[in-house]
Amino acid sequence: MLNQKLIKTLSAQLGELFEGGRGLPGQAAVRQQVRSVLQSSFARLDLVTREEFDAQAAVLGRTREKVEQLERKLSEIEQRLSKGRTE
């Protein structure tokens, strides 16, 4: 899930913008409504955290290395097989 600190910060900033200052009547309610809207909007976007993205990028990098190793091995095997046929 998206970082709760980001949601709280955005909702606080938007709450201040809509209310024009601190300590006004209804500000807490507006802030809570903004937080709820942000959470539901971000949930629909199916976002991932930076940590999740970095972890998947690392997995992809390791997978790519393994595929390259396997391709080199396959090429070597194919070369040996083709040499065996010509001899």
Protein backbone atom coordinates (compact mmCIF):
# COMPACT_ATOMS: atom_id res chain seq x y z
CA MET A 1 0.00 0.00 0.00
CA LEU A 2 1.05 3.56 -0.55
CA ASN A 3 3.04 5.28 2.15
CA GLN A 4 0.64 6.54 4.82
CA LYS A 5 2.94 9.49 5.57
CA LEU A 6 2.50 10.72 1.98
CA ILE A 7 -1.27 10.50 2.25
CA LYS A 8 -1.29 12.35 5.59
CA THR A 9 0.98 15.07 4.23
CA LEU A 10 -1.10 15.57 1.08
CA SER A 11 -4.36 15.60 2.99
CA ALA A 12 -2.98 18.11 5.52
CA GLN A 13 -1.78 20.42 2.77
CA LEU A 14 -5.05 20.19 0.88
CA GLY A 15 -7.01 20.67 4.09
CA GLU A 16 -5.09 23.87 4.81
CA LEU A 17 -5.62 25.06 1.27
CA PHE A 18 -9.38 24.50 1.41
CA GLU A 19 -9.79 25.98 4.86
CA GLY A 20 -7.36 28.88 4.45
CA GLY A 21 -5.64 28.37 7.78
CA ARG A 22 -5.30 26.38 10.95
CA GLY A 23 -7.85 25.86 13.67
CA LEU A 24 -10.95 26.77 11.70
CA PRO A 25 -14.26 25.00 12.36
CA GLY A 26 -14.67 21.90 10.22
CA GLN A 27 -11.01 21.69 9.29
CA ALA A 28 -10.57 18.26 10.85
CA ALA A 29 -13.59 16.93 8.96
CA VAL A 30 -12.30 18.32 5.65
CA ARG A 31 -8.86 16.87 6.33
CA GLN A 32 -10.39 13.44 7.04
CA GLN A 33 -12.51 13.60 3.89
CA VAL A 34 -9.48 14.58 1.79
CA ARG A 35 -7.48 11.72 3.32
CA SER A 36 -10.27 9.26 2.48
CA VAL A 37 -10.51 10.52 -1.10
CA LEU A 38 -6.74 10.28 -1.55
CA GLN A 39 -6.59 6.76 -0.15
CA SER A 40 -9.38 5.49 -2.36
CA SER A 41 -7.95 7.24 -5.43
CA PHE A 42 -4.47 5.82 -4.86
CA ALA A 43 -5.92 2.35 -4.20
CA ARG A 44 -7.68 2.41 -7.57
CA LEU A 45 -4.45 3.37 -9.31
CA ASP A 46 -2.82 0.13 -8.10
CA LEU A 47 0.43 1.89 -7.24
CA VAL A 48 3.47 0.22 -5.71
CA THR A 49 5.98 1.64 -3.29
CA ARG A 50 9.51 2.50 -4.35
CA GLU A 51 10.79 -0.41 -2.26
CA GLU A 52 8.50 -2.85 -4.08
CA PHE A 53 9.57 -1.43 -7.44
CA ASP A 54 13.27 -1.67 -6.57
CA ALA A 55 12.84 -5.26 -5.35
CA GLN A 56 11.13 -6.28 -8.59
CA ALA A 57 13.79 -4.47 -10.66
CA ALA A 58 16.47 -6.47 -8.83
CA VAL A 59 14.61 -9.73 -9.51
CA LEU A 60 14.31 -8.77 -13.17
CA GLY A 61 18.05 -8.03 -13.34
CA ARG A 62 18.93 -11.43 -11.87
CA THR A 63 16.50 -13.15 -14.22
CA ARG A 64 17.99 -11.35 -17.21
CA GLU A 65 21.50 -12.49 -16.18
CA LYS A 66 20.29 -16.09 -15.85
CA VAL A 67 18.64 -15.98 -19.29
CA GLU A 68 21.85 -14.65 -20.83
CA GLN A 69 23.85 -17.46 -19.18
CA LEU A 70 21.42 -20.05 -20.48
CA GLU A 71 21.56 -18.55 -23.98
CA ARG A 72 25.37 -18.79 -23.95
CA LYS A 73 25.23 -22.41 -22.78
CA LEU A 74 22.66 -23.28 -25.45
CA SER A 75 24.83 -21.67 -28.11
CA GLU A 76 27.84 -23.69 -26.96
CA ILE A 77 25.83 -26.91 -27.03
CA GLU A 78 24.52 -26.12 -30.52
CA GLN A 79 28.06 -25.43 -31.75
CA ARG A 80 29.32 -28.75 -30.32
CA LEU A 81 26.43 -30.61 -31.91
CA SER A 82 26.99 -29.01 -35.31
CA LYS A 83 30.75 -29.84 -35.13
CA GLY A 84 29.90 -33.44 -34.27
CA ARG A 85 27.76 -33.79 -37.39
CA THR A 86 30.38 -32.44 -39.74
CA GLU A 87 33.17 -34.67 -38.46
